[in-house]
């Protein structure tokens, strides 16, 4: 990396939209200076026209799900029928085709302003469940894909041991499982972080990880001070099965086994009791909401506003990638709550942006990212203010225009660690991203 000087037409600083902001970066990838009120670009500065925001964090991704976009919109069904098609796709993955697909998907994320992704990774082994010669070949393919696309990644290596409470994995799930939590921990310990990559842990769900294995996964993460993520109460059926098996809700079960806490992020958390909300909030457990996937799969609307009020920091993910648009995920927190309550004003634009940036990075183990301040990572996203969606509002409402009207198509620039990854809407490292996506998805679906 080299030191760089940027001049932003507008930037969101400390909750205020400031005009004419100079942002200087060091060769370490950090911001050294932020100076507002500079009317014209200094000599040698790169100009970022529009509203510059902190880089966005996609805190929950399954990269291979991107290949289901469009194909999963035929007919009816539920999450469980959708899952059948997803398993078929997972069975076609190899380290080689996953590298090609994930590189294109992460490039799409960069073009949508995402500077860091949390990859919830559970496709570990060969199709028959036997390990690859390199046990982490699939995870390393994802780390390499993020590097090729120029973004940061937290690989959330996922423990997956059961098809349901007390049930062995199915034939389709064999490649997800290490057999025991101890063998999962041994394999995951072989993953190595890098300058763009950090390693975290994940409990797939309480139905997929038996209670006697929860402590092993949580302990592995705690020893490394690594983030711990898990799917929680995405479906009512999971709650009902947990009640039958353990006489308590998934959130209560996790609390009883010491899994909840400030280093833990619960994904979805859609179907919660009042006690669940109190347990999650009181423990400072983070919650990652994925509104576009939750509505695409007819999962329901989660109690995001109540969770925040209870003390749980919120972040956002695109999960199955029905769309990759963190601005849409952000405004959906407010708009979905309006549908439920028939009232407006649950989240401000600033609160939604913090969920999309600062809180997401913290959930992924990058607490030094998500603000435009000296000492923080120089990760920036610039949204156009002159498109048909964003033109018109006064400068002081630029953030509201971006959060409530802009889309991924309005992202003009993405900077990661001071490096200009997307310039004027064009990815600088991965060329012809739509064609790359088309080829990777076709090869995966056709088995080439």
Foldseek 3Di string as FASTA:
>chain_A
DAKAKAWEQWEQAPNFIFGTWIWIFHPLQFTADIDGDDNDDDPRHHYFYFYKFFFFEFQEAAQQLQLCQPVLPPDDDFLVVVVVVVLVLLLLDDLVLLLLSLLLSLLLLVLLRHQEYEYADQQQDHLQQDADPLRRSNVVSNCVSNVLSNHAYEYALEAFAAPFAVHGDDSSCSSRHLNALVSSLVNLVPDDADSRYHYHYEYAACGGHDLVNLCSRQVSCVVVVFAYEYEACLAVVNQVRCCVRPVHGRLVSCVVSVNAALSYEYEQQADDDPVSLLSNQVRQHAYEYQVVVSVVRVSHGRPVLSSVVSHHQYAYHNYSPNDNWLLVRLVCNQVVVCVVPVDHDSDDLVSSLCRRFQVSCVNRVQNLGRHSDGPRRPWMWGFHCPDPFRDDDDSRCSSVSCNVTNTSQRTQWTAGSNRTQHHGSAGPSDHPSVVSNVVSSVCSVVSD
